[in-house]
Amino acid sequence: TEVIEAPIAGLISSGPDRPEPLKVHLPAKEGVGLVTGHRIPGALGKNGLPVNIEVLEAIENGLPADQAVRTVMDDNPNVDAGLIAVDINGNIGVQNSEKVGSRTDIASAYLENGDAKVAVFNNEIHPIKITSKLAAAIAMEIMSEEQKPDMQITLNSGLKVELGDEDKVVIDKNNTAIEIFTTDPTILNGETVGVVPYLGSSIIKDGEKIGILMNEPLAVLNDGVIVEFAGRKTIIRDVKKV
């Protein structure tokens, strides 16, 4: 919850565990910002300071994150580091040193969606190009709340699925499914495995469509009666209101 609610956040990961203390690899200061990166973000620059600390101090002294990163990286072309910094105002700075930029195993990604911004660096991870793009896309989907449900419904085993002209779920006042309809007749006879209710199913409450199903379960059925949902008798599923 603390991470989800934070206005800014930074991550750093590597194959071998980074040596303690971990804060030297991702320095941060309340009311200022934070600095992460790849390769060796805490490598010493020509001024004798770790370049990530130098960037953080520059931000504290008034530079926006993008200008702070650019200044430090331009001054240290041979340092084995690429830095990503974000200040408390949401400005992001992203730059590899000239040395790291010449590597053949690096990639980066940057996405914006409204106020949400994501920057990613990676090296020595294959496939090279898609890794950073995938990480950025996942982070953006979470940060921008594109997949955040408006409500949730409860699905219980024991309910008989009926054939209908559309995929839909009828729920009661407690948002628990009391009727499920499918357009697939093949899952209603004998012992079957099927996806029900289906993605995009209409959610009906008090006779009105109030939303659509955002994620679907895999169900085991016996003559149309739900026996279980992949080993569970009760599950929760997300709904987007319409």
Foldseek 3Di string as FASTA:
>chain_A
DVVLPDPDDDDDDDDDDDDPPPCLQWPDDPQWWIKHWDDRQQFAAPVRGRLRVQLSVVSVVPDANQVSQVVSLVRGQPTRIWMWIHTPVGGIHTGDRVNNVPDPFKEKDWDDDPSDIDIDIDGPDPPRHVPRVVVRVVVCCSNVVVVPFPDKAKEFFQAFEAEDPFFAFEAEPVRYTNYTYDPDPVQQEAWDKDKPSDFQHFYHYPRDGFWGWHDIFIFIDGNRTTPAGVPHRMDMTGTHTD
